[in-house]
Amino acid sequence: MKAPTDLAELTDFFDRYGTALTSGDVAAIANCYALPGMVVADSYSFTFASPAAVALSFLGAAPTYQEQQIVAAHAQLLDVQRLSPALSLVAVEWEYLDSRGNAVPGERYSYLLRIDRGGPRITTVIATH
């Protein structure tokens, strides 16, 4: 992947991922992950080795977004570090929009992405502050 297209491809990837998250499309969410994958936070970590395991781990996300009336998610890319030709570490702050058009504060995550011919895929998600 050439450097000038990196940011555009990453932005497109996170746009698709945000849409999948807020719509509850667990198949599309699973397609955004390289396997095996991992999620790491202060008080827990878990891994998944199949698309079904990814989908199961996100089943509870859609109702949470619906309860908060979140209809859209936008990833603001705060930092992109290219670690190797295939690996990038991307710091993201999510900005949410509710059904009334109001901004809702989001979370920050760092994503370790593997980029290949199929595009970016998440290998590790790290919850940050």
C-alpha atoms as a PDB file:
ATOM      1  CA  MET A   1       0.000   0.000   0.000  1.00  0.00           C
ATOM      2  CA  LYS A   2       1.384   3.394  -0.928  1.00  0.00           C
ATOM      3  CA  ALA A   3       1.652   6.079   1.744  1.00  0.00           C
ATOM      4  CA  PRO A   4      -0.556   8.743   0.063  1.00  0.00           C
ATOM      5  CA  THR A   5      -3.531   6.354   0.041  1.00  0.00           C
ATOM      6  CA  ASP A   6      -3.038   5.165   3.629  1.00  0.00           C
ATOM      7  CA  LEU A   7      -5.159   7.846   5.285  1.00  0.00           C
ATOM      8  CA  ALA A   8      -7.982   7.607   2.732  1.00  0.00           C
ATOM      9  CA  GLU A   9      -8.088   3.810   3.011  1.00  0.00           C
ATOM     10  CA  LEU A  10      -8.025   3.944   6.821  1.00  0.00           C
ATOM     11  CA  THR A  11     -10.782   6.566   6.884  1.00  0.00           C
ATOM     12  CA  ASP A  12     -12.923   4.425   4.575  1.00  0.00           C
ATOM     13  CA  PHE A  13     -12.259   1.348   6.708  1.00  0.00           C
ATOM     14  CA  PHE A  14     -13.300   3.067   9.954  1.00  0.00           C
ATOM     15  CA  ASP A  15     -16.365   4.576   8.240  1.00  0.00           C
ATOM     16  CA  ARG A  16     -17.489   1.050   7.285  1.00  0.00           C
ATOM     17  CA  TYR A  17     -16.658  -0.265  10.756  1.00  0.00           C
ATOM     18  CA  GLY A  18     -18.598   2.557  12.464  1.00  0.00           C
ATOM     19  CA  THR A  19     -21.618   1.933  10.246  1.00  0.00           C
ATOM     20  CA  ALA A  20     -21.502  -1.790  11.036  1.00  0.00           C
ATOM     21  CA  LEU A  21     -21.239  -1.071  14.786  1.00  0.00           C
ATOM     22  CA  THR A  22     -24.168   1.343  14.961  1.00  0.00           C
ATOM     23  CA  SER A  23     -26.407  -0.750  12.691  1.00  0.00           C
ATOM     24  CA  GLY A  24     -25.685  -3.995  14.531  1.00  0.00           C
ATOM     25  CA  ASP A  25     -24.369  -5.714  11.400  1.00  0.00           C
ATOM     26  CA  VAL A  26     -22.289  -8.342  13.196  1.00  0.00           C
ATOM     27  CA  ALA A  27     -21.287 -10.065   9.943  1.00  0.00           C
ATOM     28  CA  ALA A  28     -19.784  -6.796   8.656  1.00  0.00           C
ATOM     29  CA  ILE A  29     -18.099  -6.230  12.033  1.00  0.00           C
ATOM     30  CA  ALA A  30     -16.578  -9.718  11.896  1.00  0.00           C
ATOM     31  CA  ASN A  31     -15.310  -8.995   8.372  1.00  0.00           C
ATOM     32  CA  CYS A  32     -13.307  -6.059   9.777  1.00  0.00           C
ATOM     33  CA  TYR A  33     -11.183  -8.371  11.948  1.00  0.00           C
ATOM     34  CA  ALA A  34      -8.091 -10.424  11.196  1.00  0.00           C
ATOM     35  CA  LEU A  35      -8.065 -13.708  13.065  1.00  0.00           C
ATOM     36  CA  PRO A  36      -7.089 -14.454  15.687  1.00  0.00           C
ATOM     37  CA  GLY A  37      -8.010 -11.097  17.211  1.00  0.00           C
ATOM     38  CA  MET A  38      -7.817  -9.573  20.647  1.00  0.00           C
ATOM     39  CA  VAL A  39      -9.510  -6.869  22.742  1.00  0.00           C
ATOM     40  CA  VAL A  40      -7.611  -5.399  25.698  1.00  0.00           C
ATOM     41  CA  ALA A  41      -8.951  -3.045  28.387  1.00  0.00           C
ATOM     42  CA  ASP A  42      -7.902  -2.102  31.913  1.00  0.00           C
ATOM     43  CA  SER A  43      -9.922  -4.841  33.590  1.00  0.00           C
ATOM     44  CA  TYR A  44     -10.265  -7.548  30.928  1.00  0.00           C
ATOM     45  CA  SER A  45      -8.880  -9.092  27.756  1.00  0.00           C
ATOM     46  CA  PHE A  46     -10.405 -11.576  25.384  1.00  0.00           C
ATOM     47  CA  THR A  47      -9.519 -13.208  22.123  1.00  0.00           C
ATOM     48  CA  PHE A  48     -11.497 -14.616  19.249  1.00  0.00           C
ATOM     49  CA  ALA A  49     -10.417 -17.079  16.594  1.00  0.00           C
ATOM     50  CA  SER A  50     -13.434 -17.240  14.265  1.00  0.00           C
ATOM     51  CA  PRO A  51     -15.843 -14.824  12.588  1.00  0.00           C
ATOM     52  CA  ALA A  52     -18.642 -16.338  14.709  1.00  0.00           C
ATOM     53  CA  ALA A  53     -16.727 -15.500  17.910  1.00  0.00           C
ATOM     54  CA  VAL A  54     -16.262 -11.901  16.730  1.00  0.00           C
ATOM     55  CA  ALA A  55     -19.970 -11.642  15.913  1.00  0.00           C
ATOM     56  CA  LEU A  56     -20.966 -13.070  19.312  1.00  0.00           C
ATOM     57  CA  SER A  57     -18.753 -10.599  21.147  1.00  0.00           C
ATOM     58  CA  PHE A  58     -20.528  -7.671  19.454  1.00  0.00           C
ATOM     59  CA  LEU A  59     -24.134  -8.874  19.779  1.00  0.00           C
ATOM     60  CA  GLY A  60     -24.658  -6.667  22.830  1.00  0.00           C
ATOM     61  CA  ALA A  61     -23.285  -3.513  21.176  1.00  0.00           C
ATOM     62  CA  ALA A  62     -26.273  -2.746  18.926  1.00  0.00           C
ATOM     63  CA  PRO A  63     -28.853  -2.652  21.771  1.00  0.00           C
ATOM     64  CA  THR A  64     -26.522  -0.348  23.716  1.00  0.00           C
ATOM     65  CA  TYR A  65     -26.337   2.049  20.758  1.00  0.00           C
ATOM     66  CA  GLN A  66     -30.129   1.843  20.331  1.00  0.00           C
ATOM     67  CA  GLU A  67     -30.729   2.624  24.021  1.00  0.00           C
ATOM     68  CA  GLN A  68     -28.563   5.734  23.661  1.00  0.00           C
ATOM     69  CA  GLN A  69     -30.279   6.523  20.318  1.00  0.00           C
ATOM     70  CA  ILE A  70     -26.890   6.476  18.553  1.00  0.00           C
ATOM     71  CA  VAL A  71     -27.456   6.468  14.803  1.00  0.00           C
ATOM     72  CA  ALA A  72     -23.948   7.186  13.487  1.00  0.00           C
ATOM     73  CA  ALA A  73     -20.323   6.815  14.524  1.00  0.00           C
ATOM     74  CA  HIS A  74     -17.406   8.750  13.088  1.00  0.00           C
ATOM     75  CA  ALA A  75     -13.804   7.789  13.748  1.00  0.00           C
ATOM     76  CA  GLN A  76     -11.472  10.727  14.169  1.00  0.00           C
ATOM     77  CA  LEU A  77      -7.988   9.399  13.411  1.00  0.00           C
ATOM     78  CA  LEU A  78      -5.742  10.973  16.045  1.00  0.00           C
ATOM     79  CA  ASP A  79      -2.492   9.240  15.129  1.00  0.00           C
ATOM     80  CA  VAL A  80      -1.299   6.676  12.609  1.00  0.00           C
ATOM     81  CA  GLN A  81       1.984   4.878  13.172  1.00  0.00           C
ATOM     82  CA  ARG A  82       3.179   2.617  10.419  1.00  0.00           C
ATOM     83  CA  LEU A  83       5.010  -0.173  12.242  1.00  0.00           C
ATOM     84  CA  SER A  84       5.893  -2.275   9.202  1.00  0.00           C
ATOM     85  CA  PRO A  85       4.731  -2.605   5.589  1.00  0.00           C
ATOM     86  CA  ALA A  86       1.678  -4.548   6.817  1.00  0.00           C
ATOM     87  CA  LEU A  87       1.075  -3.263  10.368  1.00  0.00           C
ATOM     88  CA  SER A  88      -0.232   0.105  11.524  1.00  0.00           C
ATOM     89  CA  LEU A  89      -1.224   1.341  14.974  1.00  0.00           C
ATOM     90  CA  VAL A  90      -4.116   3.793  14.719  1.00  0.00           C
ATOM     91  CA  ALA A  91      -5.371   5.934  17.603  1.00  0.00           C
ATOM     92  CA  VAL A  92      -9.070   6.740  17.179  1.00  0.00           C
ATOM     93  CA  GLU A  93     -11.573   8.882  19.027  1.00  0.00           C
ATOM     94  CA  TRP A  94     -15.132   7.896  18.205  1.00  0.00           C
ATOM     95  CA  GLU A  95     -17.673  10.680  17.778  1.00  0.00           C
ATOM     96  CA  TYR A  96     -21.306   9.597  17.922  1.00  0.00           C
ATOM     97  CA  LEU A  97     -24.477  11.229  16.657  1.00  0.00           C
ATOM     98  CA  ASP A  98     -27.859  10.570  18.258  1.00  0.00           C
ATOM     99  CA  SER A  99     -31.254  10.470  16.550  1.00  0.00           C
ATOM    100  CA  ARG A 100     -31.810  14.167  17.329  1.00  0.00           C
ATOM    101  CA  GLY A 101     -28.591  15.171  15.593  1.00  0.00           C
ATOM    102  CA  ASN A 102     -26.711  15.833  18.826  1.00  0.00           C
ATOM    103  CA  ALA A 103     -23.067  14.883  19.301  1.00  0.00           C
ATOM    104  CA  VAL A 104     -22.536  12.223  21.943  1.00  0.00           C
ATOM    105  CA  PRO A 105     -19.108  11.854  23.575  1.00  0.00           C
ATOM    106  CA  GLY A 106     -17.322   8.730  22.436  1.00  0.00           C
ATOM    107  CA  GLU A 107     -14.471   6.524  23.493  1.00  0.00           C
ATOM    108  CA  ARG A 108     -10.847   6.296  22.472  1.00  0.00           C
ATOM    109  CA  TYR A 109      -9.205   3.152  21.209  1.00  0.00           C
ATOM    110  CA  SER A 110      -5.960   2.146  19.593  1.00  0.00           C
ATOM    111  CA  TYR A 111      -6.270  -0.386  16.801  1.00  0.00           C
ATOM    112  CA  LEU A 112      -3.456  -2.585  15.562  1.00  0.00           C
ATOM    113  CA  LEU A 113      -4.313  -3.172  11.913  1.00  0.00           C
ATOM    114  CA  ARG A 114      -2.882  -5.649   9.443  1.00  0.00           C
ATOM    115  CA  ILE A 115      -3.153  -4.342   5.898  1.00  0.00           C
ATOM    116  CA  ASP A 116      -3.034  -6.753   2.968  1.00  0.00           C
ATOM    117  CA  ARG A 117      -4.564  -7.062  -0.503  1.00  0.00           C
ATOM    118  CA  GLY A 118      -8.009  -7.251   1.115  1.00  0.00           C
ATOM    119  CA  GLY A 119      -7.441  -3.946   2.929  1.00  0.00           C
ATOM    120  CA  PRO A 120      -7.113  -3.188   6.638  1.00  0.00           C
ATOM    121  CA  ARG A 121      -8.262  -5.667   9.267  1.00  0.00           C
ATOM    122  CA  ILE A 122      -8.198  -5.228  13.050  1.00  0.00           C
ATOM    123  CA  THR A 123      -5.892  -7.612  14.918  1.00  0.00           C
ATOM    124  CA  THR A 124      -5.993  -5.926  18.340  1.00  0.00           C
ATOM    125  CA  VAL A 125      -8.244  -3.310  19.965  1.00  0.00           C
ATOM    126  CA  ILE A 126      -6.886  -1.473  23.010  1.00  0.00           C
ATOM    127  CA  ALA A 127      -9.256   0.659  25.084  1.00  0.00           C
ATOM    128  CA  THR A 128      -7.502   3.942  25.930  1.00  0.00           C
ATOM    129  CA  HIS A 129      -8.404   7.164  27.751  1.00  0.00           C
END
